[in-house]
């Protein structure tokens, strides 16, 4: 059992993250033509607009919350006067709200893919794989809120924080020990999250790397009326 725990939560994350970074770099270098969202807006726009807005707002806030919540050292929270139990409560509330927002958007997008004949004809196996993986991950995340409600001391959250921080600081043994005793829903949620990193370079999700940040400080365009 210890071997399986080490394999899934101390070795597998490095395999997944290595493929995530190297695979993205190789795809960008060799297959730039495929580096796109493959938008199907021209085929159907109403459901896409509603689902996409909800999904992206939800997923951005979820990722930001996970990044800050898991990787910020416990000492920093203590300096800010935020207790472990209060941090867990905030994580449950915000995670629940934005998780439901993201889930609503994802369901709209999945329904659109399944019920619109033209959109479905332009959907490949990887597109469906990513959608179902995201759906499973969101459901697990929402279910974990009910598990967290059963122990508001924040101890399992601390273990997950120690796991994440041990992974990024290359302390694999500490990572395996930190996550060993947490609830199986958390473990499955973590493993599926790593799996999403693994398949990321082979999907349309690579467009995340091309977020148009430079658009925010782009110079204004002058548009003049045509003189007749």
Protein backbone atom coordinates (compact mmCIF):
# COMPACT_ATOMS: atom_id res chain seq x y z
CA UNK A 1 0.00 0.00 0.00
CA UNK A 2 2.85 2.38 0.80
CA UNK A 3 4.39 1.58 -2.58
CA UNK A 4 1.14 2.41 -4.40
CA UNK A 5 0.80 5.63 -2.40
CA UNK A 6 4.37 6.63 -3.30
CA UNK A 7 3.84 5.74 -6.96
CA UNK A 8 0.58 7.69 -7.33
CA UNK A 9 1.34 10.76 -5.23
CA UNK A 10 5.14 11.11 -5.12
CA UNK A 11 6.29 9.79 -8.52
CA UNK A 12 3.28 10.20 -10.82
CA UNK A 13 3.03 13.99 -10.23
CA UNK A 14 6.57 14.48 -11.58
CA UNK A 15 5.81 12.32 -14.62
CA UNK A 16 2.60 14.27 -15.29
CA UNK A 17 4.19 17.69 -14.78
CA UNK A 18 7.22 16.79 -16.93
CA UNK A 19 4.94 15.76 -19.81
CA UNK A 20 2.87 18.90 -19.17
CA UNK A 21 5.80 21.27 -19.65
CA UNK A 22 7.92 19.35 -22.18
CA UNK A 23 4.92 18.21 -24.20
CA UNK A 24 3.61 21.76 -24.45
CA UNK A 25 7.03 23.03 -25.54
CA UNK A 26 7.45 20.31 -28.17
CA UNK A 27 3.96 20.83 -29.55
CA UNK A 28 4.51 24.57 -29.80
CA UNK A 29 7.82 23.99 -31.58
CA UNK A 30 6.66 21.31 -34.01
CA UNK A 31 2.89 21.71 -34.46
CA UNK A 32 2.05 25.38 -34.17
CA UNK A 33 -0.81 24.95 -36.63
CA UNK A 34 -2.63 22.87 -33.98
CA UNK A 35 -1.95 25.45 -31.23
CA UNK A 36 -5.48 26.80 -31.09
CA UNK A 37 -8.85 26.41 -29.40
CA UNK A 38 -10.45 25.03 -32.58
CA UNK A 39 -13.39 27.30 -31.90
CA UNK A 40 -16.77 26.11 -33.15
CA UNK A 41 -18.49 29.46 -32.64
CA UNK A 42 -19.31 29.67 -36.33
CA UNK A 43 -21.33 26.46 -35.98
CA UNK A 44 -23.30 27.57 -32.90
CA UNK A 45 -22.76 30.63 -30.73
CA UNK A 46 -25.60 31.02 -28.23
CA UNK A 47 -24.89 28.02 -26.00
CA UNK A 48 -21.14 28.45 -26.50
CA UNK A 49 -21.25 32.01 -25.21
CA UNK A 50 -23.27 31.15 -22.11
CA UNK A 51 -21.37 27.99 -21.27
CA UNK A 52 -17.95 29.42 -22.03
CA UNK A 53 -18.40 32.49 -19.80
CA UNK A 54 -19.61 30.44 -16.83
CA UNK A 55 -16.94 27.79 -17.31
CA UNK A 56 -14.03 30.19 -17.68
CA UNK A 57 -15.03 32.41 -14.75
CA UNK A 58 -15.41 29.34 -12.56
CA UNK A 59 -12.26 27.53 -13.64
CA UNK A 60 -10.04 30.62 -13.37
CA UNK A 61 -11.18 31.30 -9.82
CA UNK A 62 -10.84 27.62 -8.88
CA UNK A 63 -7.29 27.41 -10.23
CA UNK A 64 -6.35 30.67 -8.53
CA UNK A 65 -7.80 29.44 -5.25
CA UNK A 66 -5.97 26.11 -5.47
CA UNK A 67 -2.70 27.82 -6.34
CA UNK A 68 -2.88 30.33 -3.47
CA UNK A 69 -4.46 27.96 -0.97
CA UNK A 70 -2.12 25.01 -1.48
CA UNK A 71 1.19 26.74 -2.12
CA UNK A 72 1.06 29.57 0.43
CA UNK A 73 3.02 28.43 3.52
CA UNK A 74 1.03 27.96 6.70
CA UNK A 75 3.23 30.52 8.47
CA UNK A 76 2.00 33.21 6.09
CA UNK A 77 -1.63 32.52 6.99
CA UNK A 78 -0.75 32.71 10.68
CA UNK A 79 0.99 36.07 10.18
CA UNK A 80 -2.17 37.33 8.46
CA UNK A 81 -4.20 36.16 11.45
CA UNK A 82 -6.12 33.54 9.48
CA UNK A 83 -6.65 30.30 11.38
CA UNK A 84 -6.62 26.91 9.71
CA UNK A 85 -10.31 26.28 10.38
CA UNK A 86 -11.31 29.71 9.00
CA UNK A 87 -9.18 29.17 5.90
CA UNK A 88 -10.92 25.85 5.34
CA UNK A 89 -14.33 27.50 5.70
CA UNK A 90 -13.43 30.16 3.13
CA UNK A 91 -12.07 27.49 0.78
CA UNK A 92 -15.30 25.50 1.11
CA UNK A 93 -17.52 28.53 0.44
CA UNK A 94 -15.59 29.96 -2.49
CA UNK A 95 -14.82 26.53 -3.89
CA UNK A 96 -18.49 25.60 -3.72
CA UNK A 97 -19.68 28.81 -5.38
CA UNK A 98 -17.19 28.85 -8.24
CA UNK A 99 -17.32 25.06 -8.54
CA UNK A 100 -21.06 25.24 -9.21
CA UNK A 101 -20.57 28.13 -11.66
CA UNK A 102 -17.93 26.14 -13.52
CA UNK A 103 -20.05 22.98 -13.44
CA UNK A 104 -23.06 24.80 -14.90
CA UNK A 105 -20.93 26.14 -17.76
CA UNK A 106 -19.34 22.76 -18.40
CA UNK A 107 -22.71 20.99 -18.53
CA UNK A 108 -23.90 23.52 -21.11
CA UNK A 109 -20.76 22.93 -23.20
CA UNK A 110 -21.05 19.13 -22.95
CA UNK A 111 -24.75 19.23 -23.86
CA UNK A 112 -23.90 21.44 -26.83
CA UNK A 113 -21.25 18.98 -28.00
CA UNK A 114 -23.63 16.04 -27.69
CA UNK A 115 -26.85 17.51 -29.08
CA UNK A 116 -25.69 19.83 -31.86
CA UNK A 117 -24.97 17.66 -34.90
CA UNK A 118 -22.59 20.11 -36.57
CA UNK A 119 -20.58 20.73 -33.40
CA UNK A 120 -20.43 17.01 -32.62
CA UNK A 121 -19.15 16.26 -36.12
CA UNK A 122 -16.24 18.62 -35.44
CA UNK A 123 -15.43 17.10 -32.03
CA UNK A 124 -12.65 14.53 -31.70
CA UNK A 125 -12.02 11.87 -29.07
CA UNK A 126 -9.61 14.05 -27.09
CA UNK A 127 -12.20 16.85 -26.88
CA UNK A 128 -14.69 14.48 -25.27
CA UNK A 129 -11.99 12.98 -23.05
CA UNK A 130 -11.07 16.39 -21.65
CA UNK A 131 -14.71 17.35 -21.10
CA UNK A 132 -15.48 14.15 -19.16
CA UNK A 133 -12.27 14.41 -17.14
CA UNK A 134 -13.10 17.99 -16.21
CA UNK A 135 -16.63 16.96 -15.26
CA UNK A 136 -15.36 14.15 -13.04
CA UNK A 137 -12.81 16.47 -11.44
CA UNK A 138 -15.43 19.13 -10.70
CA UNK A 139 -17.82 16.59 -9.18
CA UNK A 140 -15.04 15.22 -6.97
CA UNK A 141 -14.10 18.71 -5.89
CA UNK A 142 -17.69 19.50 -4.92
CA UNK A 143 -18.04 16.18 -3.09
CA UNK A 144 -14.89 16.93 -1.14
CA UNK A 145 -16.69 19.93 0.39
CA UNK A 146 -19.08 17.57 2.17
CA UNK A 147 -16.12 15.52 3.42
CA UNK A 148 -14.45 18.70 4.69
CA UNK A 149 -17.65 19.68 6.50
CA UNK A 150 -17.21 16.60 8.67
CA UNK A 151 -13.95 17.89 10.17
CA UNK A 152 -13.62 21.65 10.39
CA UNK A 153 -10.26 21.56 12.16
CA UNK A 154 -8.50 21.85 8.80
CA UNK A 155 -6.06 19.04 9.47
CA UNK A 156 -6.61 17.23 6.18
CA UNK A 157 -6.31 20.54 4.37
CA UNK A 158 -2.93 21.01 6.03
CA UNK A 159 -1.86 17.58 4.81
CA UNK A 160 -2.84 18.49 1.26
CA UNK A 161 -0.94 21.77 1.57
CA UNK A 162 2.13 19.90 2.80
CA UNK A 163 1.81 17.47 -0.12
CA UNK A 164 1.62 20.25 -2.73
CA UNK A 165 4.49 22.22 -1.21
CA UNK A 166 6.61 19.07 -0.90
CA UNK A 167 6.05 18.31 -4.60
CA UNK A 168 7.14 21.78 -5.77
CA UNK A 169 10.20 21.68 -3.49
CA UNK A 170 11.16 18.18 -4.74
CA UNK A 171 10.64 16.41 -1.42
CA UNK A 172 8.90 13.32 -2.74
CA UNK A 173 9.14 11.30 0.47
CA UNK A 174 7.49 14.05 2.50
CA UNK A 175 4.78 14.34 -0.17
CA UNK A 176 3.96 10.64 0.07
CA UNK A 177 3.80 10.79 3.86
CA UNK A 178 1.66 13.94 3.90
CA UNK A 179 -1.10 12.56 1.72
CA UNK A 180 -1.09 8.97 2.97
CA UNK A 181 -3.87 9.35 5.53
CA UNK A 182 -6.26 11.77 3.80
CA UNK A 183 -9.74 10.75 2.64
CA UNK A 184 -9.90 8.75 -0.60
CA UNK A 185 -11.96 11.48 -2.32
CA UNK A 186 -9.08 13.93 -1.84
CA UNK A 187 -6.64 11.36 -3.19
CA UNK A 188 -8.76 10.69 -6.26
CA UNK A 189 -9.18 14.44 -6.78
CA UNK A 190 -5.40 14.94 -6.64
CA UNK A 191 -4.67 11.99 -8.93
CA UNK A 192 -7.22 13.11 -11.51
CA UNK A 193 -5.79 16.62 -11.37
CA UNK A 194 -2.35 15.24 -12.21
CA UNK A 195 -3.91 13.23 -15.05
CA UNK A 196 -5.31 16.44 -16.53
CA UNK A 197 -1.76 17.86 -16.53
CA UNK A 198 -0.64 14.66 -18.26
CA UNK A 199 -3.09 14.91 -21.18
CA UNK A 200 -2.91 18.71 -21.40
CA UNK A 201 -0.28 18.93 -24.23
CA UNK A 202 -2.33 16.58 -26.42
CA UNK A 203 -5.54 18.61 -26.24
CA UNK A 204 -6.89 22.01 -27.20
CA UNK A 205 -6.18 23.14 -23.62
CA UNK A 206 -2.75 24.30 -24.81
CA UNK A 207 -4.38 27.57 -25.83
CA UNK A 208 -4.17 28.51 -22.14
CA UNK A 209 -0.47 29.26 -22.73
CA UNK A 210 -1.51 31.86 -25.32
CA UNK A 211 -3.63 34.06 -23.05
CA UNK A 212 -3.48 37.52 -24.74
CA UNK A 213 -2.01 39.34 -21.74
CA UNK A 214 -0.33 41.89 -24.02
CA UNK A 215 -3.79 42.95 -25.21
CA UNK A 216 -4.26 44.84 -21.93
CA UNK A 217 -1.51 47.37 -22.69
CA UNK A 218 -1.90 47.41 -26.46
CA UNK A 219 -2.01 50.85 -28.06
CA UNK A 220 -5.39 52.11 -29.16
CA UNK A 221 -6.37 51.67 -32.77
CA UNK A 222 -7.59 54.75 -34.61
CA UNK A 223 -10.69 54.05 -36.64
CA UNK A 224 -11.80 56.81 -39.00
CA UNK A 225 -15.00 57.00 -41.00
CA UNK A 226 -14.57 56.60 -44.74
CA UNK A 227 -14.91 59.89 -46.65
CA UNK A 228 -17.42 59.61 -49.42
